[in-house]
């Protein structure tokens, strides 16, 4: 009878250690998940800021201002503008 009790106590201790280990791993993984979600939110905010910055840098008025102020570029007269039609390329026949 004492052998059976010792065996049951040993099984109980092993099960308890298993439960504690599993809970510890689960908490550790949950904390890691929260950290990764926070990082994802920060990256999403940064992505939005970068998109806004890109749209600001690419504004037509800003580019035109730089072209005229720093590069001394001018819009040509209407008489000097020539529109070229693209050539139509016929598909090669087999």
N, C-alpha and C. Protein backbone atom coordinates (compact mmCIF):
# COMPACT_ATOMS: atom_id res chain seq x y z
N UNK A 1 0.81 -1.20 0.00
CA UNK A 1 0.00 0.00 0.00
C UNK A 1 0.85 1.26 0.00
N UNK A 2 1.95 1.25 0.75
CA UNK A 2 2.80 2.44 0.79
C UNK A 2 3.49 2.67 -0.54
N UNK A 3 3.78 1.56 -1.25
CA UNK A 3 4.40 1.72 -2.56
C UNK A 3 3.42 2.40 -3.52
N UNK A 4 2.18 2.01 -3.45
CA UNK A 4 1.15 2.62 -4.30
C UNK A 4 0.99 4.10 -3.96
N UNK A 5 0.98 4.43 -2.68
CA UNK A 5 0.87 5.83 -2.27
C UNK A 5 2.07 6.65 -2.75
N UNK A 6 3.26 6.10 -2.64
CA UNK A 6 4.46 6.80 -3.11
C UNK A 6 4.41 7.00 -4.62
N UNK A 7 3.96 6.00 -5.32
CA UNK A 7 3.83 6.10 -6.78
C UNK A 7 2.81 7.17 -7.16
N UNK A 8 1.70 7.20 -6.47
CA UNK A 8 0.68 8.22 -6.74
C UNK A 8 1.17 9.62 -6.40
N UNK A 9 1.91 9.76 -5.28
CA UNK A 9 2.46 11.06 -4.91
C UNK A 9 3.48 11.52 -5.95
N UNK A 10 4.30 10.59 -6.42
CA UNK A 10 5.28 10.92 -7.45
C UNK A 10 4.59 11.37 -8.74
N UNK A 11 3.54 10.65 -9.13
CA UNK A 11 2.77 11.02 -10.32
C UNK A 11 2.12 12.39 -10.13
N UNK A 12 1.61 12.64 -8.94
CA UNK A 12 0.99 13.93 -8.65
C UNK A 12 2.01 15.07 -8.74
N UNK A 13 3.20 14.86 -8.21
CA UNK A 13 4.25 15.88 -8.25
C UNK A 13 4.67 16.14 -9.69
N UNK A 14 4.83 15.08 -10.47
CA UNK A 14 5.21 15.24 -11.87
C UNK A 14 4.13 16.00 -12.66
N UNK A 15 2.88 15.67 -12.40
CA UNK A 15 1.78 16.39 -13.07
C UNK A 15 1.75 17.86 -12.66
N UNK A 16 1.97 18.13 -11.39
CA UNK A 16 1.99 19.51 -10.91
C UNK A 16 3.13 20.29 -11.56
N UNK A 17 4.30 19.66 -11.65
CA UNK A 17 5.44 20.33 -12.32
C UNK A 17 5.14 20.58 -13.80
N UNK A 18 4.45 19.63 -14.41
CA UNK A 18 4.06 19.81 -15.82
C UNK A 18 3.11 20.98 -15.99
N UNK A 19 2.14 21.11 -15.09
CA UNK A 19 1.18 22.21 -15.15
C UNK A 19 1.89 23.55 -14.96
N UNK A 20 2.79 23.59 -13.97
CA UNK A 20 3.52 24.84 -13.70
C UNK A 20 4.37 25.22 -14.90
N UNK A 21 5.06 24.25 -15.49
CA UNK A 21 5.90 24.52 -16.66
C UNK A 21 5.06 25.00 -17.85
N UNK A 22 3.93 24.36 -18.07
CA UNK A 22 3.06 24.75 -19.18
C UNK A 22 2.52 26.16 -18.98
N UNK A 23 2.12 26.50 -17.76
CA UNK A 23 1.61 27.85 -17.48
C UNK A 23 2.71 28.89 -17.68
N UNK A 24 3.90 28.57 -17.24
CA UNK A 24 5.01 29.51 -17.39
C UNK A 24 5.30 29.76 -18.87
N UNK A 25 5.32 28.69 -19.66
CA UNK A 25 5.57 28.84 -21.10
C UNK A 25 4.45 29.65 -21.76
N UNK A 26 3.21 29.38 -21.36
CA UNK A 26 2.08 30.09 -21.94
C UNK A 26 2.15 31.59 -21.62
N UNK A 27 2.50 31.93 -20.39
CA UNK A 27 2.62 33.34 -20.01
C UNK A 27 3.76 34.01 -20.78
N UNK A 28 4.86 33.30 -20.91
CA UNK A 28 6.02 33.83 -21.63
C UNK A 28 5.66 34.10 -23.10
N UNK A 29 4.97 33.16 -23.72
CA UNK A 29 4.56 33.33 -25.11
C UNK A 29 3.53 34.45 -25.25
N UNK A 30 2.62 34.57 -24.28
CA UNK A 30 1.63 35.64 -24.33
C UNK A 30 2.28 37.01 -24.23
N UNK A 31 3.28 37.14 -23.36
CA UNK A 31 4.01 38.41 -23.23
C UNK A 31 4.72 38.73 -24.54
N UNK A 32 5.32 37.72 -25.15
CA UNK A 32 6.00 37.92 -26.43
C UNK A 32 5.00 38.35 -27.52
N UNK A 33 3.82 37.75 -27.51
CA UNK A 33 2.77 38.12 -28.46
C UNK A 33 2.37 39.58 -28.28
N UNK A 34 2.19 40.02 -27.04
CA UNK A 34 1.82 41.41 -26.78
C UNK A 34 2.91 42.37 -27.27
N UNK A 35 4.16 42.01 -27.05
CA UNK A 35 5.27 42.85 -27.51
C UNK A 35 5.29 42.95 -29.03
N UNK A 36 5.05 41.83 -29.70
CA UNK A 36 5.04 41.84 -31.16
C UNK A 36 3.85 42.64 -31.71
N UNK A 37 2.71 42.55 -31.04
CA UNK A 37 1.55 43.34 -31.47
C UNK A 37 1.81 44.82 -31.30
N UNK A 38 2.48 45.20 -30.21
CA UNK A 38 2.83 46.60 -29.99
C UNK A 38 3.81 47.08 -31.06
N UNK A 39 4.76 46.24 -31.40
CA UNK A 39 5.71 46.59 -32.45
C UNK A 39 5.00 46.74 -33.79
N UNK A 40 4.04 45.88 -34.07
CA UNK A 40 3.27 45.97 -35.32
C UNK A 40 2.49 47.28 -35.38
N UNK A 41 1.91 47.70 -34.24
CA UNK A 41 1.17 48.97 -34.21
C UNK A 41 2.11 50.14 -34.48
N UNK A 42 3.31 50.11 -33.87
CA UNK A 42 4.28 51.18 -34.09
C UNK A 42 4.70 51.23 -35.56
N UNK A 43 4.92 50.07 -36.15
CA UNK A 43 5.31 50.03 -37.56
C UNK A 43 4.19 50.53 -38.46
N UNK A 44 2.96 50.23 -38.09
CA UNK A 44 1.82 50.70 -38.88
C UNK A 44 1.72 52.22 -38.83
N UNK A 45 1.96 52.80 -37.66
CA UNK A 45 1.96 54.26 -37.52
C UNK A 45 3.10 54.86 -38.35
N UNK A 46 4.27 54.25 -38.27
CA UNK A 46 5.42 54.74 -39.04
C UNK A 46 5.15 54.64 -40.54
N UNK A 47 4.50 53.56 -40.97
CA UNK A 47 4.16 53.39 -42.39
C UNK A 47 3.22 54.52 -42.85
N UNK A 48 2.24 54.84 -42.03
CA UNK A 48 1.34 55.94 -42.37
C UNK A 48 2.06 57.27 -42.46
N UNK A 49 2.99 57.50 -41.53
CA UNK A 49 3.77 58.74 -41.57
C UNK A 49 4.66 58.81 -42.81
N UNK A 50 5.25 57.68 -43.17
CA UNK A 50 6.09 57.66 -44.37
C UNK A 50 5.27 57.89 -45.64
N UNK A 51 4.06 57.33 -45.69
CA UNK A 51 3.21 57.57 -46.85
C UNK A 51 2.83 59.05 -46.95
N UNK A 52 2.53 59.65 -45.81
CA UNK A 52 2.19 61.07 -45.79
C UNK A 52 3.38 61.90 -46.23
N UNK A 53 4.55 61.56 -45.73
CA UNK A 53 5.76 62.29 -46.11
C UNK A 53 6.04 62.15 -47.60
N UNK A 54 5.86 60.95 -48.14
CA UNK A 54 6.10 60.75 -49.56
C UNK A 54 5.13 61.58 -50.40
N UNK A 55 3.87 61.62 -50.00
CA UNK A 55 2.90 62.40 -50.76
C UNK A 55 3.21 63.90 -50.67
N UNK A 56 3.76 64.32 -49.54
CA UNK A 56 4.14 65.73 -49.38
C UNK A 56 5.32 66.07 -50.28
N UNK A 57 6.32 65.20 -50.30
CA UNK A 57 7.51 65.46 -51.13
C UNK A 57 7.19 65.41 -52.61
N UNK A 58 6.19 64.66 -53.01
CA UNK A 58 5.87 64.49 -54.43
C UNK A 58 4.78 65.42 -54.92
N UNK A 59 4.39 66.41 -54.14
CA UNK A 59 3.33 67.33 -54.57
C UNK A 59 3.79 68.12 -55.80
N UNK A 60 2.86 68.27 -56.73
CA UNK A 60 3.18 68.94 -57.99
C UNK A 60 3.66 70.38 -57.77
N UNK A 61 3.01 71.09 -56.85
CA UNK A 61 3.41 72.48 -56.62
C UNK A 61 4.82 72.58 -56.05
N UNK A 62 5.19 71.66 -55.19
CA UNK A 62 6.54 71.66 -54.62
C UNK A 62 7.58 71.39 -55.70
N UNK A 63 7.30 70.40 -56.55
CA UNK A 63 8.25 70.07 -57.61
C UNK A 63 8.38 71.24 -58.59
N UNK A 64 7.27 71.87 -58.91
CA UNK A 64 7.32 73.02 -59.83
C UNK A 64 8.09 74.18 -59.20
N UNK A 65 7.91 74.40 -57.92
CA UNK A 65 8.62 75.47 -57.21
C UNK A 65 10.13 75.22 -57.24
N UNK A 66 10.53 73.98 -56.97
CA UNK A 66 11.96 73.65 -57.00
C UNK A 66 12.52 73.80 -58.41
N UNK A 67 11.75 73.36 -59.40
CA UNK A 67 12.23 73.45 -60.79
C UNK A 67 12.44 74.90 -61.21
N UNK A 68 11.56 75.78 -60.80
CA UNK A 68 11.71 77.17 -61.21
C UNK A 68 12.72 77.92 -60.36
N UNK A 69 12.76 77.66 -59.05
CA UNK A 69 13.63 78.42 -58.16
C UNK A 69 15.08 77.95 -58.22
N UNK A 70 15.30 76.66 -58.10
CA UNK A 70 16.66 76.15 -57.99
C UNK A 70 17.28 75.75 -59.33
N UNK A 71 16.46 75.26 -60.23
CA UNK A 71 16.99 74.77 -61.51
C UNK A 71 16.77 75.76 -62.65
N UNK A 72 16.15 76.88 -62.36
CA UNK A 72 15.84 77.92 -63.34
C UNK A 72 15.16 77.36 -64.59
N UNK A 73 14.23 76.45 -64.38
CA UNK A 73 13.48 75.88 -65.49
C UNK A 73 12.25 76.74 -65.74
N UNK A 74 11.81 76.78 -67.00
CA UNK A 74 10.64 77.56 -67.37
C UNK A 74 9.73 76.71 -68.23
N UNK A 75 8.45 77.04 -68.18
CA UNK A 75 7.49 76.37 -69.05
C UNK A 75 7.67 76.95 -70.45
N UNK A 76 7.83 76.11 -71.47
CA UNK A 76 8.03 76.64 -72.83
C UNK A 76 6.75 77.29 -73.37
N UNK A 77 6.94 78.14 -74.37
CA UNK A 77 5.79 78.77 -75.03
C UNK A 77 4.96 77.70 -75.72
N UNK A 78 3.69 78.02 -75.92
CA UNK A 78 2.79 77.07 -76.58
C UNK A 78 3.24 76.79 -78.00
N UNK A 79 3.90 77.76 -78.64
CA UNK A 79 4.35 77.55 -80.02
C UNK A 79 5.52 76.57 -80.09
N UNK A 80 6.21 76.38 -79.00
CA UNK A 80 7.37 75.49 -78.99
C UNK A 80 7.04 74.07 -78.52
N UNK A 81 5.78 73.87 -78.12
CA UNK A 81 5.37 72.55 -77.65
C UNK A 81 4.90 71.73 -78.85
N UNK A 82 5.40 70.52 -78.94
CA UNK A 82 5.03 69.64 -80.05
C UNK A 82 4.57 68.30 -79.46
N UNK A 83 3.38 67.90 -79.84
CA UNK A 83 2.82 66.65 -79.34
C UNK A 83 3.16 65.54 -80.33
N UNK A 84 3.73 64.48 -79.82
CA UNK A 84 4.14 63.37 -80.67
C UNK A 84 3.22 62.19 -80.38
N UNK A 85 2.61 61.66 -81.43
CA UNK A 85 1.73 60.51 -81.27
C UNK A 85 2.59 59.23 -81.21
N UNK A 86 2.25 58.32 -80.31
CA UNK A 86 3.02 57.07 -80.25
C UNK A 86 2.77 56.22 -81.48
N UNK A 87 3.83 55.58 -81.94
CA UNK A 87 3.69 54.71 -83.11
C UNK A 87 2.95 53.45 -82.72
N UNK A 88 2.08 53.00 -83.61
CA UNK A 88 1.32 51.77 -83.35
C UNK A 88 2.14 50.60 -83.87
N UNK A 89 2.43 49.68 -82.99
CA UNK A 89 3.22 48.53 -83.35
C UNK A 89 2.28 47.38 -83.65
N UNK A 90 2.37 46.86 -84.87
CA UNK A 90 1.51 45.75 -85.25
C UNK A 90 2.09 44.47 -84.66
N UNK A 91 1.20 43.61 -84.23
CA UNK A 91 1.62 42.34 -83.64
C UNK A 91 2.23 41.47 -84.73
N UNK A 92 3.31 40.82 -84.41
CA UNK A 92 3.97 39.94 -85.38
C UNK A 92 3.08 38.72 -85.61
N UNK A 93 2.93 38.38 -86.88
CA UNK A 93 2.09 37.22 -87.21
C UNK A 93 2.98 35.98 -87.28
N UNK A 94 2.46 34.88 -86.74
CA UNK A 94 3.27 33.65 -86.77
C UNK A 94 3.34 33.02 -88.13
